[in-house]
Amino acid sequence: MNVLINGQAQSLPGAATLADALAALKPTPPFAVAVNREFVPRSGYGERRLQPDDQIEVIRPVTGG
């Protein structure tokens, strides 16, 4: 199945979860994740099944003053 991760096309197995997508991306913590603009808590990464054409955003916090 094809999904978008931070605007880039990514091919994943048909029964992929959000945890699978993140394992392929290997983001460096800390980060937050949204699927189709809906925040997904870290505890839900393994349970969130992805669908074709889902849009995943991995967001890094920005600090500063």
C-alpha atoms as a PDB file:
ATOM      1  CA  MET A   1       0.000   0.000   0.000  1.00  0.00           C
ATOM      2  CA  ASN A   2       1.133   3.547  -0.627  1.00  0.00           C
ATOM      3  CA  VAL A   3       1.053   6.265   2.017  1.00  0.00           C
ATOM      4  CA  LEU A   4       2.567   9.717   2.327  1.00  0.00           C
ATOM      5  CA  ILE A   5       5.052  10.348   5.133  1.00  0.00           C
ATOM      6  CA  ASN A   6       5.896  14.038   5.503  1.00  0.00           C
ATOM      7  CA  GLY A   7       4.773  14.520   1.910  1.00  0.00           C
ATOM      8  CA  GLN A   8       6.947  11.730   0.494  1.00  0.00           C
ATOM      9  CA  ALA A   9       5.445   8.587  -1.054  1.00  0.00           C
ATOM     10  CA  GLN A  10       6.272   5.414   0.875  1.00  0.00           C
ATOM     11  CA  SER A  11       5.287   1.832   0.082  1.00  0.00           C
ATOM     12  CA  LEU A  12       4.325  -0.352   3.048  1.00  0.00           C
ATOM     13  CA  PRO A  13       2.926  -3.888   3.439  1.00  0.00           C
ATOM     14  CA  GLY A  14      -0.867  -4.135   3.203  1.00  0.00           C
ATOM     15  CA  ALA A  15      -1.447  -4.713   6.927  1.00  0.00           C
ATOM     16  CA  ALA A  16       0.997  -2.051   8.122  1.00  0.00           C
ATOM     17  CA  THR A  17       0.560  -0.166  11.366  1.00  0.00           C
ATOM     18  CA  LEU A  18       1.809   3.268  12.248  1.00  0.00           C
ATOM     19  CA  ALA A  19       4.608   1.564  14.203  1.00  0.00           C
ATOM     20  CA  ASP A  20       5.703  -0.174  10.974  1.00  0.00           C
ATOM     21  CA  ALA A  21       5.807   3.133   9.124  1.00  0.00           C
ATOM     22  CA  LEU A  22       7.853   4.740  11.885  1.00  0.00           C
ATOM     23  CA  ALA A  23      10.262   1.792  11.916  1.00  0.00           C
ATOM     24  CA  ALA A  24      10.890   2.401   8.207  1.00  0.00           C
ATOM     25  CA  LEU A  25      11.373   6.138   8.761  1.00  0.00           C
ATOM     26  CA  LYS A  26      13.515   5.826  11.937  1.00  0.00           C
ATOM     27  CA  PRO A  27      12.807   9.308  13.314  1.00  0.00           C
ATOM     28  CA  THR A  28      14.937  10.592  16.178  1.00  0.00           C
ATOM     29  CA  PRO A  29      12.940  11.348  19.340  1.00  0.00           C
ATOM     30  CA  PRO A  30      11.322  13.535  20.448  1.00  0.00           C
ATOM     31  CA  PHE A  31       8.549  13.700  17.870  1.00  0.00           C
ATOM     32  CA  ALA A  32       4.765  13.653  17.573  1.00  0.00           C
ATOM     33  CA  VAL A  33       2.760  11.862  14.883  1.00  0.00           C
ATOM     34  CA  ALA A  34      -0.505  12.630  13.130  1.00  0.00           C
ATOM     35  CA  VAL A  35      -2.371  10.469  10.627  1.00  0.00           C
ATOM     36  CA  ASN A  36      -4.704  12.418   8.362  1.00  0.00           C
ATOM     37  CA  ARG A  37      -4.277  15.420  10.685  1.00  0.00           C
ATOM     38  CA  GLU A  38      -5.345  13.411  13.759  1.00  0.00           C
ATOM     39  CA  PHE A  39      -2.794  13.177  16.572  1.00  0.00           C
ATOM     40  CA  VAL A  40      -1.939   9.588  17.532  1.00  0.00           C
ATOM     41  CA  PRO A  41      -0.544   9.033  21.050  1.00  0.00           C
ATOM     42  CA  ARG A  42       2.627   6.964  21.310  1.00  0.00           C
ATOM     43  CA  SER A  43       0.667   4.194  23.034  1.00  0.00           C
ATOM     44  CA  GLY A  44      -1.448   3.833  19.882  1.00  0.00           C
ATOM     45  CA  TYR A  45       1.317   3.440  17.273  1.00  0.00           C
ATOM     46  CA  GLY A  46       1.118  -0.374  17.229  1.00  0.00           C
ATOM     47  CA  GLU A  47      -2.674  -0.423  17.128  1.00  0.00           C
ATOM     48  CA  ARG A  48      -3.245   2.194  14.420  1.00  0.00           C
ATOM     49  CA  ARG A  49      -3.748   0.314  11.142  1.00  0.00           C
ATOM     50  CA  LEU A  50      -2.889   2.326   8.073  1.00  0.00           C
ATOM     51  CA  GLN A  51      -5.037   2.591   4.967  1.00  0.00           C
ATOM     52  CA  PRO A  52      -3.926   3.288   1.387  1.00  0.00           C
ATOM     53  CA  ASP A  53      -3.241   6.988   0.803  1.00  0.00           C
ATOM     54  CA  ASP A  54      -3.069   7.861   4.512  1.00  0.00           C
ATOM     55  CA  GLN A  55      -1.067  11.008   5.186  1.00  0.00           C
ATOM     56  CA  ILE A  56       1.378  10.659   8.066  1.00  0.00           C
ATOM     57  CA  GLU A  57       3.134  13.673   9.546  1.00  0.00           C
ATOM     58  CA  VAL A  58       6.069  13.263  11.904  1.00  0.00           C
ATOM     59  CA  ILE A  59       6.505  16.555  13.723  1.00  0.00           C
ATOM     60  CA  ARG A  60       9.561  17.574  15.697  1.00  0.00           C
ATOM     61  CA  PRO A  61       9.197  20.116  18.491  1.00  0.00           C
ATOM     62  CA  VAL A  62      10.730  23.533  17.967  1.00  0.00           C
ATOM     63  CA  THR A  63      12.252  25.390  20.886  1.00  0.00           C
ATOM     64  CA  GLY A  64      13.554  28.865  21.177  1.00  0.00           C
ATOM     65  CA  GLY A  65      12.664  32.262  22.373  1.00  0.00           C
END
